[in-house]
């Protein structure tokens, strides 16, 4: 089987995507797959690069806008090439934090309260004052904590909002919730061991904590039975409601013994320091076996969605 590892792209998460792609290549079973790296640099090159590669399956290592938001998924469907992970709709929903929060809240899944601003015209320091400092300012789309800032007072607010708006016109401002950060990796509808996160150098799980070795303590956490059940139920409810498929990672914060869903990642990082492979390892699943499962489940999912076993 010829696997095209699609990575790079043109979002702010390009470097993380390249790391994910290389880690996948390093762990793919060479006895089962012929691996073709496909590094995307410009939108105009995508169709030509993928066609030229003549791949059987696209293993997506993309992150961020144009790679994780349904755009590439739709392009691959147009080409009739099966791809890994969630489909177009789930990818688009999960990339839009405000929309996914609205859907989750409507189903009774707790998410942080906050403000939604569509650009600098909505800038209103008084509204943030009423919300209460400290707050988290984040772009509405994107990931890897890029553009996210912890703001402790009004003096820090304007630059944080401008920074977030430079990445995405729409932004979210949420209260800073102090608690235990958790991540729930889900593969084939099964919640893997829950990982608790504690940043070594910052007050929250920022970019440095996510991707620099030793910048965070990430380990399987044992929760009291009732709390463990609530966390797993919230993770699965989010996964199902947003129509995720094959695998995803649900990030939460446990505040006053209640789980609040922060976001759902349809193409979570798969670098050497990433959380999903760590959770899989805790469940006894090697990185190579994890990729095997993702590929096999994705092929089955595309067959069910497209109604045919003939893709290319």
C-alpha atoms as a PDB file:
ATOM      1  CA  UNK A   1       0.000   0.000   0.000  1.00  0.00           C
ATOM      2  CA  UNK A   2       1.369   3.402  -0.987  1.00  0.00           C
ATOM      3  CA  UNK A   3       0.943   5.928   1.819  1.00  0.00           C
ATOM      4  CA  UNK A   4       1.326   9.651   1.180  1.00  0.00           C
ATOM      5  CA  UNK A   5       2.262  11.504   4.361  1.00  0.00           C
ATOM      6  CA  UNK A   6       0.863  14.989   3.735  1.00  0.00           C
ATOM      7  CA  UNK A   7       2.517  17.645   5.877  1.00  0.00           C
ATOM      8  CA  UNK A   8       3.640  21.257   5.977  1.00  0.00           C
ATOM      9  CA  UNK A   9       0.840  23.426   4.659  1.00  0.00           C
ATOM     10  CA  UNK A  10       0.562  27.169   5.010  1.00  0.00           C
ATOM     11  CA  UNK A  11      -0.869  27.747   8.477  1.00  0.00           C
ATOM     12  CA  UNK A  12       0.911  29.071  11.553  1.00  0.00           C
ATOM     13  CA  UNK A  13       1.367  25.423  12.585  1.00  0.00           C
ATOM     14  CA  UNK A  14       3.512  24.460   9.599  1.00  0.00           C
ATOM     15  CA  UNK A  15       6.577  23.580  11.695  1.00  0.00           C
ATOM     16  CA  UNK A  16       4.570  21.380  14.046  1.00  0.00           C
ATOM     17  CA  UNK A  17       3.040  19.660  11.009  1.00  0.00           C
ATOM     18  CA  UNK A  18       6.486  18.914   9.590  1.00  0.00           C
ATOM     19  CA  UNK A  19       7.502  17.384  12.920  1.00  0.00           C
ATOM     20  CA  UNK A  20       4.329  15.282  13.007  1.00  0.00           C
ATOM     21  CA  UNK A  21       4.892  14.099   9.450  1.00  0.00           C
ATOM     22  CA  UNK A  22       8.483  13.089  10.062  1.00  0.00           C
ATOM     23  CA  UNK A  23       7.568  11.227  13.243  1.00  0.00           C
ATOM     24  CA  UNK A  24       4.890   9.323  11.341  1.00  0.00           C
ATOM     25  CA  UNK A  25       7.365   8.419   8.606  1.00  0.00           C
ATOM     26  CA  UNK A  26       9.840   7.203  11.226  1.00  0.00           C
ATOM     27  CA  UNK A  27       7.271   4.816  12.716  1.00  0.00           C
ATOM     28  CA  UNK A  28       5.339   3.531   9.709  1.00  0.00           C
ATOM     29  CA  UNK A  29       5.832  -0.202   9.145  1.00  0.00           C
ATOM     30  CA  UNK A  30       8.100  -0.356   6.091  1.00  0.00           C
ATOM     31  CA  UNK A  31       7.174  -3.976   5.584  1.00  0.00           C
ATOM     32  CA  UNK A  32       3.544  -2.991   5.002  1.00  0.00           C
ATOM     33  CA  UNK A  33       3.700   0.434   3.391  1.00  0.00           C
ATOM     34  CA  UNK A  34       5.557   2.319   0.725  1.00  0.00           C
ATOM     35  CA  UNK A  35       5.884   5.820   2.187  1.00  0.00           C
ATOM     36  CA  UNK A  36       5.864   9.006   0.112  1.00  0.00           C
ATOM     37  CA  UNK A  37       6.434  12.340   1.915  1.00  0.00           C
ATOM     38  CA  UNK A  38       4.288  15.104   0.388  1.00  0.00           C
ATOM     39  CA  UNK A  39       5.329  18.506   1.723  1.00  0.00           C
ATOM     40  CA  UNK A  40       2.756  21.159   0.865  1.00  0.00           C
ATOM     41  CA  UNK A  41       4.068  24.677   0.421  1.00  0.00           C
ATOM     42  CA  UNK A  42       1.518  26.491  -1.738  1.00  0.00           C
ATOM     43  CA  UNK A  43      -2.182  25.922  -2.314  1.00  0.00           C
ATOM     44  CA  UNK A  44      -1.753  25.917  -6.077  1.00  0.00           C
ATOM     45  CA  UNK A  45       0.629  22.932  -5.838  1.00  0.00           C
ATOM     46  CA  UNK A  46      -1.625  20.639  -3.807  1.00  0.00           C
ATOM     47  CA  UNK A  47      -3.591  18.864  -6.552  1.00  0.00           C
ATOM     48  CA  UNK A  48      -0.525  18.435  -8.778  1.00  0.00           C
ATOM     49  CA  UNK A  49       1.608  17.060  -5.932  1.00  0.00           C
ATOM     50  CA  UNK A  50      -1.002  14.564  -4.783  1.00  0.00           C
ATOM     51  CA  UNK A  51      -1.842  13.381  -8.303  1.00  0.00           C
ATOM     52  CA  UNK A  52       1.825  12.955  -9.172  1.00  0.00           C
ATOM     53  CA  UNK A  53       2.441  10.852  -6.054  1.00  0.00           C
ATOM     54  CA  UNK A  54      -0.179   8.242  -7.120  1.00  0.00           C
ATOM     55  CA  UNK A  55      -0.916   7.277  -3.526  1.00  0.00           C
ATOM     56  CA  UNK A  56      -3.470   4.806  -2.190  1.00  0.00           C
ATOM     57  CA  UNK A  57      -4.091   6.620   1.110  1.00  0.00           C
ATOM     58  CA  UNK A  58      -3.316  10.119   2.432  1.00  0.00           C
ATOM     59  CA  UNK A  59      -1.972  10.016   5.989  1.00  0.00           C
ATOM     60  CA  UNK A  60      -2.688  13.538   7.182  1.00  0.00           C
ATOM     61  CA  UNK A  61      -0.013  15.196   9.288  1.00  0.00           C
ATOM     62  CA  UNK A  62      -1.412  18.680   8.733  1.00  0.00           C
ATOM     63  CA  UNK A  63      -2.453  21.068  11.490  1.00  0.00           C
ATOM     64  CA  UNK A  64      -4.306  24.348  11.550  1.00  0.00           C
ATOM     65  CA  UNK A  65      -6.214  26.231   8.895  1.00  0.00           C
ATOM     66  CA  UNK A  66      -6.395  24.715   5.400  1.00  0.00           C
ATOM     67  CA  UNK A  67      -5.219  21.367   6.770  1.00  0.00           C
ATOM     68  CA  UNK A  68      -7.347  20.533   9.789  1.00  0.00           C
ATOM     69  CA  UNK A  69     -10.468  22.526   8.944  1.00  0.00           C
ATOM     70  CA  UNK A  70     -11.953  20.341   6.207  1.00  0.00           C
ATOM     71  CA  UNK A  71     -10.270  22.080   3.279  1.00  0.00           C
ATOM     72  CA  UNK A  72      -7.752  19.339   2.455  1.00  0.00           C
ATOM     73  CA  UNK A  73     -10.287  16.650   3.339  1.00  0.00           C
ATOM     74  CA  UNK A  74     -12.677  18.098   0.741  1.00  0.00           C
ATOM     75  CA  UNK A  75      -9.903  18.321  -1.849  1.00  0.00           C
ATOM     76  CA  UNK A  76      -8.973  14.676  -1.322  1.00  0.00           C
ATOM     77  CA  UNK A  77     -12.601  13.638  -1.636  1.00  0.00           C
ATOM     78  CA  UNK A  78     -12.714  15.472  -4.962  1.00  0.00           C
ATOM     79  CA  UNK A  79      -9.693  13.449  -6.069  1.00  0.00           C
ATOM     80  CA  UNK A  80     -11.235  10.224  -4.748  1.00  0.00           C
ATOM     81  CA  UNK A  81      -8.285   9.546  -2.430  1.00  0.00           C
ATOM     82  CA  UNK A  82      -9.067   8.136   1.018  1.00  0.00           C
ATOM     83  CA  UNK A  83      -7.546  10.049   3.920  1.00  0.00           C
ATOM     84  CA  UNK A  84      -7.064   9.497   7.628  1.00  0.00           C
ATOM     85  CA  UNK A  85      -9.163  10.906  10.434  1.00  0.00           C
ATOM     86  CA  UNK A  86     -12.433  12.801  10.526  1.00  0.00           C
ATOM     87  CA  UNK A  87     -14.422  13.972   7.530  1.00  0.00           C
ATOM     88  CA  UNK A  88     -15.079  17.442   6.194  1.00  0.00           C
ATOM     89  CA  UNK A  89     -17.901  18.403   8.564  1.00  0.00           C
ATOM     90  CA  UNK A  90     -16.246  17.339  11.826  1.00  0.00           C
ATOM     91  CA  UNK A  91     -12.963  18.921  10.781  1.00  0.00           C
ATOM     92  CA  UNK A  92     -14.668  22.232  10.079  1.00  0.00           C
ATOM     93  CA  UNK A  93     -16.750  22.177  13.268  1.00  0.00           C
ATOM     94  CA  UNK A  94     -13.850  21.408  15.577  1.00  0.00           C
ATOM     95  CA  UNK A  95     -11.611  24.053  14.045  1.00  0.00           C
ATOM     96  CA  UNK A  96     -14.203  26.729  14.860  1.00  0.00           C
ATOM     97  CA  UNK A  97     -13.939  26.986  18.645  1.00  0.00           C
ATOM     98  CA  UNK A  98     -16.969  29.238  19.104  1.00  0.00           C
ATOM     99  CA  UNK A  99     -19.258  27.082  16.979  1.00  0.00           C
ATOM    100  CA  UNK A 100     -18.123  23.854  18.626  1.00  0.00           C
ATOM    101  CA  UNK A 101     -18.625  25.425  22.075  1.00  0.00           C
ATOM    102  CA  UNK A 102     -22.178  26.401  21.167  1.00  0.00           C
ATOM    103  CA  UNK A 103     -22.959  22.862  20.042  1.00  0.00           C
ATOM    104  CA  UNK A 104     -21.377  21.299  23.113  1.00  0.00           C
ATOM    105  CA  UNK A 105     -23.166  23.670  25.495  1.00  0.00           C
ATOM    106  CA  UNK A 106     -26.494  22.938  23.832  1.00  0.00           C
ATOM    107  CA  UNK A 107     -25.936  19.241  24.585  1.00  0.00           C
ATOM    108  CA  UNK A 108     -25.038  19.895  28.217  1.00  0.00           C
ATOM    109  CA  UNK A 109     -21.271  19.549  27.883  1.00  0.00           C
ATOM    110  CA  UNK A 110     -19.560  22.216  29.963  1.00  0.00           C
ATOM    111  CA  UNK A 111     -17.181  24.649  28.257  1.00  0.00           C
ATOM    112  CA  UNK A 112     -15.674  27.895  29.608  1.00  0.00           C
ATOM    113  CA  UNK A 113     -17.915  30.945  29.429  1.00  0.00           C
ATOM    114  CA  UNK A 114     -16.568  34.022  27.701  1.00  0.00           C
ATOM    115  CA  UNK A 115     -16.727  36.608  24.949  1.00  0.00           C
ATOM    116  CA  UNK A 116     -16.665  36.206  21.187  1.00  0.00           C
ATOM    117  CA  UNK A 117     -15.341  39.184  19.223  1.00  0.00           C
ATOM    118  CA  UNK A 118     -15.337  39.440  15.452  1.00  0.00           C
ATOM    119  CA  UNK A 119     -12.357  41.709  15.100  1.00  0.00           C
ATOM    120  CA  UNK A 120     -11.019  44.873  16.692  1.00  0.00           C
ATOM    121  CA  UNK A 121     -14.314  46.705  16.152  1.00  0.00           C
ATOM    122  CA  UNK A 122     -15.731  44.659  19.035  1.00  0.00           C
ATOM    123  CA  UNK A 123     -12.936  45.666  21.405  1.00  0.00           C
ATOM    124  CA  UNK A 124     -14.551  46.407  24.769  1.00  0.00           C
ATOM    125  CA  UNK A 125     -12.306  46.485  27.872  1.00  0.00           C
ATOM    126  CA  UNK A 126     -15.339  47.004  30.117  1.00  0.00           C
ATOM    127  CA  UNK A 127     -16.818  43.687  28.985  1.00  0.00           C
ATOM    128  CA  UNK A 128     -13.587  41.942  29.918  1.00  0.00           C
ATOM    129  CA  UNK A 129     -13.572  43.751  33.272  1.00  0.00           C
ATOM    130  CA  UNK A 130     -17.037  42.368  33.946  1.00  0.00           C
ATOM    131  CA  UNK A 131     -15.836  38.900  32.944  1.00  0.00           C
ATOM    132  CA  UNK A 132     -13.005  39.251  35.451  1.00  0.00           C
ATOM    133  CA  UNK A 133      -9.230  39.027  35.130  1.00  0.00           C
ATOM    134  CA  UNK A 134      -7.172  37.010  34.476  1.00  0.00           C
ATOM    135  CA  UNK A 135      -8.457  35.906  31.069  1.00  0.00           C
ATOM    136  CA  UNK A 136      -7.240  33.783  28.175  1.00  0.00           C
ATOM    137  CA  UNK A 137      -7.269  35.468  24.753  1.00  0.00           C
ATOM    138  CA  UNK A 138      -7.197  33.076  21.808  1.00  0.00           C
ATOM    139  CA  UNK A 139      -7.868  33.016  18.044  1.00  0.00           C
ATOM    140  CA  UNK A 140     -11.144  31.320  17.160  1.00  0.00           C
ATOM    141  CA  UNK A 141      -9.323  28.921  14.833  1.00  0.00           C
ATOM    142  CA  UNK A 142      -5.894  27.365  14.952  1.00  0.00           C
ATOM    143  CA  UNK A 143      -4.111  25.272  17.514  1.00  0.00           C
ATOM    144  CA  UNK A 144      -0.816  24.458  19.223  1.00  0.00           C
ATOM    145  CA  UNK A 145      -1.524  27.428  21.548  1.00  0.00           C
ATOM    146  CA  UNK A 146      -0.221  29.797  18.855  1.00  0.00           C
ATOM    147  CA  UNK A 147      -1.564  33.306  19.442  1.00  0.00           C
ATOM    148  CA  UNK A 148      -2.991  32.432  22.860  1.00  0.00           C
ATOM    149  CA  UNK A 149      -2.072  34.691  25.771  1.00  0.00           C
ATOM    150  CA  UNK A 150      -2.829  34.847  29.470  1.00  0.00           C
ATOM    151  CA  UNK A 151      -3.899  38.412  30.284  1.00  0.00           C
ATOM    152  CA  UNK A 152      -3.817  39.530  33.911  1.00  0.00           C
ATOM    153  CA  UNK A 153      -4.996  43.141  33.609  1.00  0.00           C
ATOM    154  CA  UNK A 154      -6.314  45.768  31.201  1.00  0.00           C
ATOM    155  CA  UNK A 155      -2.802  47.013  30.378  1.00  0.00           C
ATOM    156  CA  UNK A 156      -2.020  43.652  28.758  1.00  0.00           C
ATOM    157  CA  UNK A 157      -5.349  43.296  26.976  1.00  0.00           C
ATOM    158  CA  UNK A 158      -4.920  45.405  23.834  1.00  0.00           C
ATOM    159  CA  UNK A 159      -1.671  43.819  22.640  1.00  0.00           C
ATOM    160  CA  UNK A 160      -3.037  40.320  23.307  1.00  0.00           C
ATOM    161  CA  UNK A 161      -6.207  41.026  21.330  1.00  0.00           C
ATOM    162  CA  UNK A 162      -4.227  42.561  18.475  1.00  0.00           C
ATOM    163  CA  UNK A 163      -1.941  39.533  18.415  1.00  0.00           C
ATOM    164  CA  UNK A 164      -4.840  37.081  18.291  1.00  0.00           C
ATOM    165  CA  UNK A 165      -6.635  39.138  15.629  1.00  0.00           C
ATOM    166  CA  UNK A 166      -3.513  39.095  13.467  1.00  0.00           C
ATOM    167  CA  UNK A 167      -3.955  35.328  13.177  1.00  0.00           C
ATOM    168  CA  UNK A 168      -7.734  35.185  12.972  1.00  0.00           C
ATOM    169  CA  UNK A 169     -10.235  38.022  12.778  1.00  0.00           C
ATOM    170  CA  UNK A 170     -12.545  36.274  15.265  1.00  0.00           C
ATOM    171  CA  UNK A 171     -11.250  35.701  18.791  1.00  0.00           C
ATOM    172  CA  UNK A 172     -12.392  34.269  22.113  1.00  0.00           C
ATOM    173  CA  UNK A 173     -11.819  35.723  25.577  1.00  0.00           C
ATOM    174  CA  UNK A 174     -12.409  33.278  28.387  1.00  0.00           C
ATOM    175  CA  UNK A 175     -11.855  33.387  32.139  1.00  0.00           C
ATOM    176  CA  UNK A 176      -8.612  31.785  33.217  1.00  0.00           C
ATOM    177  CA  UNK A 177      -9.749  28.619  34.955  1.00  0.00           C
ATOM    178  CA  UNK A 178      -7.315  27.312  37.525  1.00  0.00           C
ATOM    179  CA  UNK A 179      -7.399  23.572  37.757  1.00  0.00           C
ATOM    180  CA  UNK A 180      -5.935  20.342  36.415  1.00  0.00           C
ATOM    181  CA  UNK A 181      -5.416  20.242  32.668  1.00  0.00           C
ATOM    182  CA  UNK A 182      -6.362  16.903  31.130  1.00  0.00           C
ATOM    183  CA  UNK A 183      -6.330  15.403  27.676  1.00  0.00           C
ATOM    184  CA  UNK A 184      -8.426  12.478  26.504  1.00  0.00           C
ATOM    185  CA  UNK A 185      -7.216  10.667  23.403  1.00  0.00           C
ATOM    186  CA  UNK A 186      -9.896   8.694  21.581  1.00  0.00           C
ATOM    187  CA  UNK A 187      -9.195   5.971  19.019  1.00  0.00           C
ATOM    188  CA  UNK A 188     -12.020   4.021  17.380  1.00  0.00           C
ATOM    189  CA  UNK A 189     -14.471   5.398  19.937  1.00  0.00           C
ATOM    190  CA  UNK A 190     -12.371   4.217  22.907  1.00  0.00           C
ATOM    191  CA  UNK A 191     -10.983   6.665  25.460  1.00  0.00           C
ATOM    192  CA  UNK A 192      -7.337   5.833  26.081  1.00  0.00           C
ATOM    193  CA  UNK A 193      -5.642   6.489  29.444  1.00  0.00           C
ATOM    194  CA  UNK A 194      -6.256  10.082  30.553  1.00  0.00           C
ATOM    195  CA  UNK A 195      -3.166  12.244  30.792  1.00  0.00           C
ATOM    196  CA  UNK A 196      -2.769  15.038  33.316  1.00  0.00           C
ATOM    197  CA  UNK A 197      -0.607  18.017  32.351  1.00  0.00           C
ATOM    198  CA  UNK A 198       1.434  20.365  34.467  1.00  0.00           C
ATOM    199  CA  UNK A 199       3.571  23.018  32.819  1.00  0.00           C
ATOM    200  CA  UNK A 200       7.033  23.364  34.331  1.00  0.00           C
ATOM    201  CA  UNK A 201       7.611  27.036  33.507  1.00  0.00           C
ATOM    202  CA  UNK A 202       4.261  28.713  32.856  1.00  0.00           C
ATOM    203  CA  UNK A 203       0.803  28.975  34.382  1.00  0.00           C
ATOM    204  CA  UNK A 204      -0.870  27.157  31.506  1.00  0.00           C
ATOM    205  CA  UNK A 205      -0.075  24.657  28.738  1.00  0.00           C
ATOM    206  CA  UNK A 206       1.443  27.046  26.185  1.00  0.00           C
ATOM    207  CA  UNK A 207       3.411  26.358  22.973  1.00  0.00           C
ATOM    208  CA  UNK A 208       6.723  25.963  24.797  1.00  0.00           C
ATOM    209  CA  UNK A 209       5.216  23.509  27.268  1.00  0.00           C
ATOM    210  CA  UNK A 210       3.710  21.482  24.425  1.00  0.00           C
ATOM    211  CA  UNK A 211       6.735  21.110  22.204  1.00  0.00           C
ATOM    212  CA  UNK A 212       9.938  21.611  24.196  1.00  0.00           C
ATOM    213  CA  UNK A 213      11.354  18.541  25.882  1.00  0.00           C
ATOM    214  CA  UNK A 214      11.027  18.745  29.664  1.00  0.00           C
ATOM    215  CA  UNK A 215       8.834  21.867  29.589  1.00  0.00           C
ATOM    216  CA  UNK A 216       5.819  20.026  30.975  1.00  0.00           C
ATOM    217  CA  UNK A 217       5.017  17.021  33.116  1.00  0.00           C
ATOM    218  CA  UNK A 218       2.587  14.781  31.240  1.00  0.00           C
ATOM    219  CA  UNK A 219       1.587  11.493  32.799  1.00  0.00           C
ATOM    220  CA  UNK A 220      -1.362   9.170  33.164  1.00  0.00           C
ATOM    221  CA  UNK A 221      -3.575  10.445  35.941  1.00  0.00           C
ATOM    222  CA  UNK A 222      -5.687   8.347  38.290  1.00  0.00           C
ATOM    223  CA  UNK A 223      -8.943  10.140  39.046  1.00  0.00           C
ATOM    224  CA  UNK A 224     -11.585   9.162  41.605  1.00  0.00           C
ATOM    225  CA  UNK A 225     -14.113   6.791  39.949  1.00  0.00           C
ATOM    226  CA  UNK A 226     -16.980   9.296  39.679  1.00  0.00           C
ATOM    227  CA  UNK A 227     -14.695  12.010  38.333  1.00  0.00           C
ATOM    228  CA  UNK A 228     -13.060   9.600  35.884  1.00  0.00           C
ATOM    229  CA  UNK A 229     -16.495   8.645  34.603  1.00  0.00           C
ATOM    230  CA  UNK A 230     -17.545  12.311  34.121  1.00  0.00           C
ATOM    231  CA  UNK A 231     -14.342  13.106  32.233  1.00  0.00           C
ATOM    232  CA  UNK A 232     -14.681  10.106  29.920  1.00  0.00           C
ATOM    233  CA  UNK A 233     -18.369  10.817  29.311  1.00  0.00           C
ATOM    234  CA  UNK A 234     -17.613  14.448  28.420  1.00  0.00           C
ATOM    235  CA  UNK A 235     -14.843  13.368  26.045  1.00  0.00           C
ATOM    236  CA  UNK A 236     -16.991  10.784  24.251  1.00  0.00           C
ATOM    237  CA  UNK A 237     -20.002  13.114  24.105  1.00  0.00           C
ATOM    238  CA  UNK A 238     -17.828  15.778  22.467  1.00  0.00           C
ATOM    239  CA  UNK A 239     -16.337  13.273  20.009  1.00  0.00           C
ATOM    240  CA  UNK A 240     -19.740  11.955  18.969  1.00  0.00           C
ATOM    241  CA  UNK A 241     -21.632  15.250  18.918  1.00  0.00           C
ATOM    242  CA  UNK A 242     -19.053  16.886  16.655  1.00  0.00           C
ATOM    243  CA  UNK A 243     -19.084  13.762  14.450  1.00  0.00           C
ATOM    244  CA  UNK A 244     -15.409  12.928  14.844  1.00  0.00           C
ATOM    245  CA  UNK A 245     -14.186   9.698  13.288  1.00  0.00           C
ATOM    246  CA  UNK A 246     -11.255   7.320  13.761  1.00  0.00           C
ATOM    247  CA  UNK A 247      -9.281   9.396  16.300  1.00  0.00           C
ATOM    248  CA  UNK A 248      -9.227  12.743  18.072  1.00  0.00           C
ATOM    249  CA  UNK A 249      -8.005  14.398  21.247  1.00  0.00           C
ATOM    250  CA  UNK A 250     -10.303  16.240  23.654  1.00  0.00           C
ATOM    251  CA  UNK A 251      -8.585  18.819  25.858  1.00  0.00           C
ATOM    252  CA  UNK A 252     -10.187  19.731  29.189  1.00  0.00           C
ATOM    253  CA  UNK A 253      -9.620  21.475  32.458  1.00  0.00           C
ATOM    254  CA  UNK A 254     -10.856  19.967  35.704  1.00  0.00           C
ATOM    255  CA  UNK A 255     -12.081  22.878  37.797  1.00  0.00           C
ATOM    256  CA  UNK A 256     -13.820  22.359  41.149  1.00  0.00           C
ATOM    257  CA  UNK A 257     -14.212  18.656  40.309  1.00  0.00           C
ATOM    258  CA  UNK A 258     -16.074  19.383  37.044  1.00  0.00           C
ATOM    259  CA  UNK A 259     -14.613  18.825  33.558  1.00  0.00           C
ATOM    260  CA  UNK A 260     -14.795  21.727  31.095  1.00  0.00           C
ATOM    261  CA  UNK A 261     -14.005  20.976  27.445  1.00  0.00           C
ATOM    262  CA  UNK A 262     -11.529  23.466  25.990  1.00  0.00           C
ATOM    263  CA  UNK A 263     -11.348  22.121  22.438  1.00  0.00           C
ATOM    264  CA  UNK A 264     -11.482  19.019  20.269  1.00  0.00           C
ATOM    265  CA  UNK A 265      -8.562  18.268  17.936  1.00  0.00           C
ATOM    266  CA  UNK A 266      -9.346  16.157  14.871  1.00  0.00           C
ATOM    267  CA  UNK A 267      -5.684  15.915  13.799  1.00  0.00           C
ATOM    268  CA  UNK A 268      -3.815  16.002  17.111  1.00  0.00           C
ATOM    269  CA  UNK A 269      -0.061  16.366  17.141  1.00  0.00           C
ATOM    270  CA  UNK A 270       1.986  13.220  16.615  1.00  0.00           C
ATOM    271  CA  UNK A 271       5.452  14.579  17.355  1.00  0.00           C
ATOM    272  CA  UNK A 272       7.936  12.951  19.723  1.00  0.00           C
ATOM    273  CA  UNK A 273       6.484  15.056  22.565  1.00  0.00           C
ATOM    274  CA  UNK A 274       2.802  14.760  21.620  1.00  0.00           C
ATOM    275  CA  UNK A 275       0.077  13.558  23.939  1.00  0.00           C
ATOM    276  CA  UNK A 276      -1.839  11.052  21.820  1.00  0.00           C
ATOM    277  CA  UNK A 277       1.152   8.728  21.268  1.00  0.00           C
ATOM    278  CA  UNK A 278       1.917   8.941  25.004  1.00  0.00           C
ATOM    279  CA  UNK A 279      -1.643   7.971  25.867  1.00  0.00           C
ATOM    280  CA  UNK A 280      -1.538   5.131  23.350  1.00  0.00           C
ATOM    281  CA  UNK A 281       1.762   3.889  24.793  1.00  0.00           C
ATOM    282  CA  UNK A 282       0.162   3.844  28.256  1.00  0.00           C
ATOM    283  CA  UNK A 283      -2.514   1.570  26.782  1.00  0.00           C
ATOM    284  CA  UNK A 284       0.144  -0.730  25.354  1.00  0.00           C
ATOM    285  CA  UNK A 285      -0.197   0.534  21.781  1.00  0.00           C
ATOM    286  CA  UNK A 286       3.088   1.297  20.038  1.00  0.00           C
ATOM    287  CA  UNK A 287       3.358   4.266  17.674  1.00  0.00           C
ATOM    288  CA  UNK A 288       3.600   1.857  14.722  1.00  0.00           C
ATOM    289  CA  UNK A 289       0.506  -0.044  15.807  1.00  0.00           C
ATOM    290  CA  UNK A 290      -1.332   3.243  16.399  1.00  0.00           C
ATOM    291  CA  UNK A 291      -0.645   4.300  12.811  1.00  0.00           C
ATOM    292  CA  UNK A 292      -1.798   0.877  11.570  1.00  0.00           C
ATOM    293  CA  UNK A 293      -5.094   1.319  13.419  1.00  0.00           C
ATOM    294  CA  UNK A 294      -5.592   4.865  12.164  1.00  0.00           C
ATOM    295  CA  UNK A 295      -4.987   3.810   8.557  1.00  0.00           C
ATOM    296  CA  UNK A 296      -7.196   0.699   8.725  1.00  0.00           C
ATOM    297  CA  UNK A 297     -10.050   2.474  10.514  1.00  0.00           C
ATOM    298  CA  UNK A 298      -9.871   5.422   8.128  1.00  0.00           C
ATOM    299  CA  UNK A 299     -10.110   3.152   5.087  1.00  0.00           C
ATOM    300  CA  UNK A 300     -13.158   1.487   6.594  1.00  0.00           C
ATOM    301  CA  UNK A 301     -14.698   4.861   7.414  1.00  0.00           C
ATOM    302  CA  UNK A 302     -14.206   6.201   3.889  1.00  0.00           C
ATOM    303  CA  UNK A 303     -15.760   3.020   2.448  1.00  0.00           C
ATOM    304  CA  UNK A 304     -18.836   3.540   4.609  1.00  0.00           C
ATOM    305  CA  UNK A 305     -19.054   7.233   3.744  1.00  0.00           C
ATOM    306  CA  UNK A 306     -18.455   6.885   0.030  1.00  0.00           C
ATOM    307  CA  UNK A 307     -20.307   3.621  -0.451  1.00  0.00           C
ATOM    308  CA  UNK A 308     -17.569   2.013  -2.545  1.00  0.00           C
ATOM    309  CA  UNK A 309     -14.291   0.193  -2.104  1.00  0.00           C
ATOM    310  CA  UNK A 310     -12.898   1.748  -5.294  1.00  0.00           C
ATOM    311  CA  UNK A 311     -11.254   5.043  -4.416  1.00  0.00           C
ATOM    312  CA  UNK A 312      -8.773   5.942  -7.112  1.00  0.00           C
END
